[in-house]
Amino acid sequence: MEADGELLLRLRSGDERAFVTLVERYQEPMLRLAVSFVPSRAVAEEVVQDTWLGMLRGLDSFEGRSSLKTWLFRILVNRARTTGTHEQRSVPVADPEPAVDPSRFDGSGGWADPPERWIEAAEGRIEAGKLAGRIKVLIDELPARQREVVILRDVEEMTSEEVCSVLAISDGNQRVLLHRARSRLRQLFEDEFRGVR
C-alpha cells in the first residue's frame, strides 16, 4: 500500500491515478464521518465531493504540518459543519400551505376560473412605469425567503444553482420557494387588476 506522502508527490506532479487511489482509500470513511454532521446521505455525498474539490484547490498551499489524511478530514469537518448549519436553516419542502388556493380548481382538477392573462393585457391597464413600481411593492409583500428567491431568479436572472449557492438552500427548496412566490405574485396581480385589493 502506497503511503499518503508518495501519493501527495504524485498528485502534485499531475498524476491522476494518485487522486483515484486517494478517493478509493478515503471516500467511504469520509462519507461515514460527513453523515454525522448533515441530515442525509445525499447531503453527505455533496460534502465529500466538495471536500475533494477543496483539497485539489488547496493542494499547492498544503505545507505538510499534518498528515494528508488529517488535512483532508479537517477540510471535510469544516465543510460538513457549515453545510449542516445551512441545512438546518433550509425551508422544509413539505409546507402545509398550498401554492394555489384549492378553490380555484373544479371537481375534475381543471381551473374553475382560469388565471387571467395579465401579462398580455398589462400594457392596456397600467403604464409601464406604474406597473414596475407596483411589482416592487407586491414582491415586498412576499414572505422573506420567497421574496429572496424571486428577486434573484426573476429580477437578477441568476440560475437556480447560483440562487442555491447565494442563499445556502437546497435545489428542492429553491424550486418550491420560486413556485410559491410566482403563484402568490400571480394571485396578487389578479386581485389588483380585478379591484379586489
Protein backbone atom coordinates (compact mmCIF):
# COMPACT_ATOMS: atom_id res chain seq x y z
CA MET A 1 0.00 0.00 0.00
CA GLU A 2 1.46 3.29 -1.13
CA ALA A 3 1.97 5.92 1.59
CA ASP A 4 -0.05 9.13 1.52
CA GLY A 5 3.14 11.18 1.22
CA GLU A 6 4.09 9.39 -2.00
CA LEU A 7 0.57 9.87 -3.35
CA LEU A 8 0.81 13.56 -2.49
CA LEU A 9 4.03 13.92 -4.50
CA ARG A 10 2.50 12.11 -7.47
CA LEU A 11 -0.69 14.19 -7.21
CA ARG A 12 1.28 17.45 -7.19
CA SER A 13 3.08 16.31 -10.33
CA GLY A 14 -0.27 15.84 -12.08
CA ASP A 15 -0.70 12.07 -11.73
CA GLU A 16 -4.47 11.48 -11.88
CA ARG A 17 -4.07 7.88 -10.77
CA ALA A 18 -2.77 9.15 -7.41
CA PHE A 19 -6.04 11.06 -6.95
CA VAL A 20 -8.06 7.95 -7.83
CA THR A 21 -6.10 5.98 -5.24
CA LEU A 22 -6.81 8.60 -2.56
CA VAL A 23 -10.52 8.59 -3.42
CA GLU A 24 -10.63 4.79 -3.21
CA ARG A 25 -8.85 4.94 0.14
CA TYR A 26 -10.81 7.72 1.85
CA GLN A 27 -14.19 8.13 0.13
CA GLU A 28 -16.13 5.75 2.40
CA PRO A 29 -14.56 6.87 5.69
CA MET A 30 -15.18 10.49 4.74
CA LEU A 31 -18.77 9.70 3.87
CA ARG A 32 -19.32 7.93 7.20
CA LEU A 33 -18.00 10.97 9.05
CA ALA A 34 -19.93 13.50 6.98
CA VAL A 35 -23.23 11.69 7.67
CA SER A 36 -22.84 12.52 11.36
CA PHE A 37 -22.91 16.27 10.62
CA VAL A 38 -25.65 16.57 8.00
CA PRO A 39 -29.28 15.43 7.74
CA SER A 40 -29.00 12.93 4.87
CA ARG A 41 -26.65 10.71 2.93
CA ALA A 42 -27.24 12.79 -0.22
CA VAL A 43 -26.04 15.93 1.54
CA ALA A 44 -23.10 13.99 2.99
CA GLU A 45 -22.10 12.90 -0.53
CA GLU A 46 -22.15 16.56 -1.63
CA VAL A 47 -19.95 17.49 1.34
CA VAL A 48 -17.46 14.76 0.44
CA GLN A 49 -17.39 15.86 -3.19
CA ASP A 50 -16.89 19.45 -2.10
CA THR A 51 -14.07 18.31 0.19
CA TRP A 52 -12.25 16.62 -2.71
CA LEU A 53 -12.54 19.82 -4.73
CA GLY A 54 -11.27 21.84 -1.78
CA MET A 55 -8.33 19.51 -1.38
CA LEU A 56 -7.40 19.86 -5.05
CA ARG A 57 -7.72 23.64 -4.93
CA GLY A 58 -5.59 23.87 -1.78
CA LEU A 59 -3.01 21.28 -2.77
CA ASP A 60 -0.31 23.85 -3.57
CA SER A 61 -0.76 25.57 -0.20
CA PHE A 62 -0.65 22.34 1.86
CA GLU A 63 2.55 22.63 3.87
CA GLY A 64 2.58 19.14 5.37
CA ARG A 65 2.37 20.20 9.02
CA SER A 66 -0.11 17.37 9.43
CA SER A 67 -0.63 14.19 7.51
CA LEU A 68 -2.52 14.32 4.25
CA LYS A 69 -5.31 12.30 5.84
CA THR A 70 -5.63 14.72 8.79
CA TRP A 71 -5.69 17.70 6.45
CA LEU A 72 -8.28 16.05 4.23
CA PHE A 73 -10.55 15.20 7.17
CA ARG A 74 -10.17 18.71 8.61
CA ILE A 75 -11.44 20.11 5.31
CA LEU A 76 -14.30 17.61 5.48
CA VAL A 77 -15.30 18.52 9.04
CA ASN A 78 -15.24 22.25 8.31
CA ARG A 79 -17.39 21.84 5.23
CA ALA A 80 -19.75 19.38 6.92
CA ARG A 81 -20.29 21.70 9.89
CA THR A 82 -21.02 24.62 7.60
CA THR A 83 -23.35 22.55 5.44
CA GLY A 84 -25.11 21.08 8.48
CA THR A 85 -25.79 24.58 9.80
CA HIS A 86 -27.11 25.74 6.41
CA GLU A 87 -29.31 22.66 6.04
CA GLN A 88 -30.93 23.33 9.42
CA ARG A 89 -31.86 26.82 8.18
CA SER A 90 -33.39 25.48 4.96
CA VAL A 91 -37.10 25.88 4.47
CA PRO A 92 -38.81 22.48 4.65
CA VAL A 93 -40.14 21.34 1.29
CA ALA A 94 -43.25 19.80 2.83
CA ASP A 95 -45.06 23.04 3.64
CA PRO A 96 -48.75 22.54 4.51
CA GLU A 97 -49.81 25.74 2.73
CA PRO A 98 -50.91 25.07 -0.87
CA ALA A 99 -49.21 27.19 -3.54
CA VAL A 100 -52.54 27.89 -5.24
CA ASP A 101 -55.88 28.19 -3.44
CA PRO A 102 -57.67 24.82 -3.94
CA SER A 103 -60.99 26.62 -4.54
CA ARG A 104 -59.55 27.80 -7.89
CA PHE A 105 -59.99 24.24 -9.25
CA ASP A 106 -63.16 22.40 -10.26
CA GLY A 107 -64.04 18.79 -9.43
CA SER A 108 -62.03 17.40 -12.36
CA GLY A 109 -58.85 19.22 -11.29
CA GLY A 110 -59.05 21.91 -14.01
CA TRP A 111 -59.25 25.64 -13.41
CA ALA A 112 -62.70 26.71 -12.18
CA ASP A 113 -61.75 30.26 -13.18
CA PRO A 114 -58.57 30.20 -15.33
CA PRO A 115 -55.81 32.66 -14.41
CA GLU A 116 -56.22 35.93 -16.19
CA ARG A 117 -53.62 36.69 -18.84
CA TRP A 118 -52.44 39.78 -17.05
CA ILE A 119 -49.07 39.99 -18.80
CA GLU A 120 -50.58 40.39 -22.28
CA ALA A 121 -53.22 42.87 -21.03
CA ALA A 122 -50.99 44.80 -18.62
CA GLU A 123 -49.93 47.49 -21.08
CA GLY A 124 -53.53 48.45 -21.70
CA ARG A 125 -54.31 48.68 -18.00
CA ILE A 126 -51.36 50.47 -16.44
CA GLU A 127 -48.46 52.47 -17.76
CA ALA A 128 -45.23 50.51 -17.71
CA GLY A 129 -43.57 52.72 -15.08
CA LYS A 130 -46.50 52.39 -12.69
CA LEU A 131 -46.56 48.63 -13.24
CA ALA A 132 -42.86 48.32 -12.40
CA GLY A 133 -43.39 50.26 -9.17
CA ARG A 134 -46.36 48.10 -8.29
CA ILE A 135 -44.39 44.91 -8.97
CA LYS A 136 -41.76 46.03 -6.47
CA VAL A 137 -44.46 46.65 -3.85
CA LEU A 138 -46.06 43.25 -4.47
CA ILE A 139 -42.70 41.48 -4.31
CA ASP A 140 -42.10 43.18 -0.96
CA GLU A 141 -45.34 41.61 0.32
CA LEU A 142 -43.98 38.08 -0.23
CA PRO A 143 -42.56 36.09 2.71
CA ALA A 144 -38.84 36.75 3.10
CA ARG A 145 -37.44 33.53 1.56
CA GLN A 146 -39.89 33.62 -1.36
CA ARG A 147 -39.00 37.27 -1.97
CA GLU A 148 -35.28 36.48 -1.96
CA VAL A 149 -35.65 33.62 -4.44
CA VAL A 150 -37.93 35.50 -6.87
CA ILE A 151 -35.67 38.57 -6.82
CA LEU A 152 -32.55 36.51 -7.52
CA ARG A 153 -34.20 34.35 -10.20
CA ASP A 154 -36.61 36.73 -11.95
CA VAL A 155 -35.08 40.15 -11.30
CA GLU A 156 -31.36 39.39 -11.16
CA GLU A 157 -31.74 36.48 -13.64
CA MET A 158 -29.49 34.12 -11.67
CA THR A 159 -29.53 30.39 -12.37
CA SER A 160 -31.05 28.04 -9.82
CA GLU A 161 -27.56 26.83 -8.91
CA GLU A 162 -26.44 30.40 -8.22
CA VAL A 163 -29.51 31.07 -6.09
CA CYS A 164 -28.92 27.91 -4.07
CA SER A 165 -25.34 28.97 -3.52
CA VAL A 166 -26.17 32.56 -2.56
CA LEU A 167 -28.99 31.62 -0.18
CA ALA A 168 -27.41 28.37 1.01
CA ILE A 169 -30.57 26.36 0.30
CA SER A 170 -31.13 23.08 -1.47
CA ASP A 171 -32.31 22.92 -5.07
CA GLY A 172 -35.62 21.42 -3.94
CA ASN A 173 -36.21 24.29 -1.53
CA GLN A 174 -35.32 26.80 -4.22
CA ARG A 175 -37.85 25.28 -6.64
CA VAL A 176 -40.64 25.21 -4.05
CA LEU A 177 -39.96 28.77 -2.92
CA LEU A 178 -39.87 30.03 -6.51
CA HIS A 179 -43.11 28.26 -7.42
CA ARG A 180 -44.88 29.64 -4.36
CA ALA A 181 -43.55 33.15 -4.94
CA ARG A 182 -44.64 33.19 -8.58
CA SER A 183 -48.04 31.73 -7.71
CA ARG A 184 -48.53 34.31 -4.95
CA LEU A 185 -47.48 37.16 -7.26
CA ARG A 186 -49.91 35.97 -9.93
CA GLN A 187 -52.71 35.95 -7.34
CA LEU A 188 -51.76 39.42 -6.09
CA PHE A 189 -51.76 40.77 -9.66
CA GLU A 190 -55.09 39.18 -10.47
CA ASP A 191 -56.63 40.59 -7.29
CA GLU A 192 -55.21 44.02 -8.08
CA PHE A 193 -56.50 44.07 -11.64
CA ARG A 194 -59.93 42.91 -10.55
CA GLY A 195 -60.02 45.62 -7.88
CA VAL A 196 -60.12 43.11 -5.01
CA ARG A 197 -57.27 44.77 -3.16
